[in-house]
Structure formats: structure tokens, C-alpha cells
Amino acid sequence: MRTAVLLLALLALAGCGTKKPSAYSRENTALLATIPVYPGAAAPKTTAGVSSNTEFGARDWTLPAHSDPETVVAWYVPRLQRAGWRITGKDLGTIRAARRSATVVVGVRGRTLEVLANARGV
């Protein structure tokens, strides 16, 4: 009986983590890689999310102490524009941009810089 339980546990573990990311998720991750990183931002963490039929990629960095959210966001505007992005919105500590069918959102909360990317802009 112990052997059977151990075998089942090993088979279950072997199946963990084998699911490959979808093409949509890979496109979002590739898009995130094209967004410049604010000077001094560190410890990036990349995640994926799904909302309804839309997938997005998110990457968070820790900003240097005393970073001003508006200064960080302002740093992104000309860099995104030079890369062909059109700024579509700006709120306190957040900008939204679009390029062809892709969209990105850059936001600052406390010391966290977050970039959300949707390669298909759905």
C-alpha cells in the first residue's frame, strides 16, 4: 500500500509544472522585455494574469527609496514615445500607452514600479 501511495505521489509531482505558457502569455512576456527599466529599479518579478478572455503580463520592480511617482512616470513618457508608443492616458502615478494592437500600463505604488503588458490589446 505504501508503495502505491508513493508511486501516485511521484506521478502527481511529475505532472506539476509541465504546462507550457500559452502563445498569448509568451507574447506578453516578450513585450515586457522591450519596456525600459527605470534607473535603480531592482528585483524584477514577472507574473501572468487572466481577466475574462484577456491575458496580460506584469513585471514589478522595487524602486530606490524616496523615488517620486510622478518623476518615474515622466521618465517613461519620452522613452515609450521614441519606441513608437502613443500615450493614451495619464493619472496620478500611472500612464497608459498603445502601439498597434498592444497596450502597456506603467504605474507606481509606494516603492513598487509595475508594468502591465497586453500584446493583443484586447
Protein backbone atom coordinates (compact mmCIF):
# COMPACT_ATOMS: atom_id res chain seq x y z
CA MET A 1 0.00 0.00 0.00
CA ARG A 2 2.83 2.42 0.87
CA THR A 3 4.48 1.74 -2.45
CA ALA A 4 1.27 2.52 -4.33
CA VAL A 5 0.80 5.80 -2.43
CA LEU A 6 4.43 6.77 -3.05
CA LEU A 7 4.10 5.92 -6.74
CA LEU A 8 0.93 8.02 -7.05
CA ALA A 9 2.64 10.94 -5.30
CA LEU A 10 5.63 10.72 -7.64
CA LEU A 11 3.38 10.61 -10.70
CA ALA A 12 1.44 13.63 -9.46
CA LEU A 13 4.65 15.57 -8.88
CA ALA A 14 5.99 14.59 -12.29
CA GLY A 15 2.97 16.25 -13.88
CA CYS A 16 3.43 19.50 -11.97
CA GLY A 17 4.92 22.39 -13.86
CA THR A 18 4.83 20.74 -17.25
CA LYS A 19 2.18 23.05 -18.70
CA LYS A 20 3.80 25.36 -21.21
CA PRO A 21 2.78 29.03 -21.27
CA SER A 22 0.27 29.90 -23.97
CA ALA A 23 1.37 31.81 -27.07
CA TYR A 24 -0.52 34.83 -25.70
CA SER A 25 1.43 34.64 -22.42
CA ARG A 26 4.74 34.34 -24.29
CA GLU A 27 3.83 37.40 -26.40
CA ASN A 28 3.12 39.39 -23.23
CA THR A 29 6.42 38.34 -21.65
CA ALA A 30 8.28 39.31 -24.83
CA LEU A 31 6.53 42.69 -24.82
CA LEU A 32 7.54 43.28 -21.20
CA ALA A 33 11.16 42.67 -22.20
CA THR A 34 11.01 45.65 -24.59
CA ILE A 35 9.98 48.17 -21.93
CA PRO A 36 12.93 50.13 -20.47
CA VAL A 37 13.74 49.75 -16.78
CA TYR A 38 13.81 52.84 -14.58
CA PRO A 39 17.36 53.56 -13.30
CA GLY A 40 17.95 51.95 -9.92
CA ALA A 41 14.87 49.71 -10.08
CA ALA A 42 15.74 46.26 -8.76
CA ALA A 43 14.48 42.74 -8.08
CA PRO A 44 12.10 42.24 -11.02
CA LYS A 45 9.26 39.75 -10.62
CA THR A 46 7.22 38.65 -13.64
CA THR A 47 3.71 37.23 -13.38
CA ALA A 48 0.88 36.46 -15.76
CA GLY A 49 -2.80 37.06 -15.26
CA VAL A 50 -6.12 36.44 -16.91
CA SER A 51 -9.20 38.63 -16.78
CA SER A 52 -12.21 37.36 -18.72
CA ASN A 53 -10.78 36.45 -22.17
CA THR A 54 -7.78 38.75 -21.80
CA GLU A 55 -4.34 37.72 -20.68
CA PHE A 56 -1.67 40.11 -19.52
CA GLY A 57 1.88 40.01 -18.26
CA ALA A 58 3.05 42.02 -15.28
CA ARG A 59 6.53 42.86 -14.09
CA ASP A 60 7.22 44.58 -10.77
CA TRP A 61 10.43 46.21 -9.59
CA THR A 62 11.43 47.78 -6.29
CA LEU A 63 12.27 51.46 -6.74
CA PRO A 64 15.05 53.28 -4.93
CA ALA A 65 13.99 54.84 -1.63
CA HIS A 66 12.34 58.26 -1.94
CA SER A 67 11.50 57.82 -5.65
CA ASP A 68 8.81 60.28 -6.70
CA PRO A 69 6.00 58.51 -8.61
CA GLU A 70 5.45 61.42 -11.00
CA THR A 71 9.19 61.61 -11.79
CA VAL A 72 9.27 57.87 -12.51
CA VAL A 73 6.22 58.05 -14.79
CA ALA A 74 7.55 61.17 -16.54
CA TRP A 75 10.82 59.29 -17.25
CA TYR A 76 8.81 56.71 -19.23
CA VAL A 77 6.86 59.09 -21.49
CA PRO A 78 9.63 60.10 -23.95
CA ARG A 79 11.17 56.63 -23.93
CA LEU A 80 7.90 54.94 -24.81
CA GLN A 81 7.14 57.58 -27.46
CA ARG A 82 10.55 57.08 -29.09
CA ALA A 83 9.77 53.36 -29.28
CA GLY A 84 6.54 54.09 -31.16
CA TRP A 85 4.10 54.05 -28.24
CA ARG A 86 1.25 56.58 -28.13
CA ILE A 87 0.42 57.80 -24.62
CA THR A 88 -3.34 57.28 -24.24
CA GLY A 89 -3.84 58.30 -20.63
CA LYS A 90 -2.13 59.66 -17.56
CA ASP A 91 -3.32 59.70 -13.96
CA LEU A 92 -1.50 60.16 -10.69
CA GLY A 93 1.47 57.80 -10.85
CA THR A 94 0.17 55.89 -13.91
CA ILE A 95 0.40 56.13 -17.69
CA ARG A 96 -1.26 54.05 -20.39
CA ALA A 97 0.16 53.59 -23.87
CA ALA A 98 -0.75 51.79 -27.09
CA ARG A 99 1.23 50.64 -30.11
CA ARG A 100 -0.57 48.84 -32.91
CA SER A 101 -2.70 46.28 -31.05
CA ALA A 102 -0.54 46.18 -27.90
CA THR A 103 -1.10 48.12 -24.69
CA VAL A 104 1.03 48.83 -21.63
CA VAL A 105 0.32 50.44 -18.28
CA VAL A 106 3.16 51.81 -16.15
CA GLY A 107 2.30 52.59 -12.55
CA VAL A 108 3.97 53.38 -9.25
CA ARG A 109 2.56 52.37 -5.85
CA GLY A 110 4.83 53.21 -2.96
CA ARG A 111 8.23 51.78 -3.88
CA THR A 112 6.78 49.34 -6.43
CA LEU A 113 7.04 50.05 -10.15
CA GLU A 114 4.62 47.88 -12.10
CA VAL A 115 4.35 47.42 -15.85
CA LEU A 116 1.34 45.57 -17.27
CA ALA A 117 1.53 44.40 -20.88
CA ASN A 118 -1.12 43.06 -23.21
CA ALA A 119 0.38 42.11 -26.56
CA ARG A 120 -3.04 41.79 -28.15
CA GLY A 121 -4.63 44.83 -26.52
CA VAL A 122 -7.95 43.05 -26.18
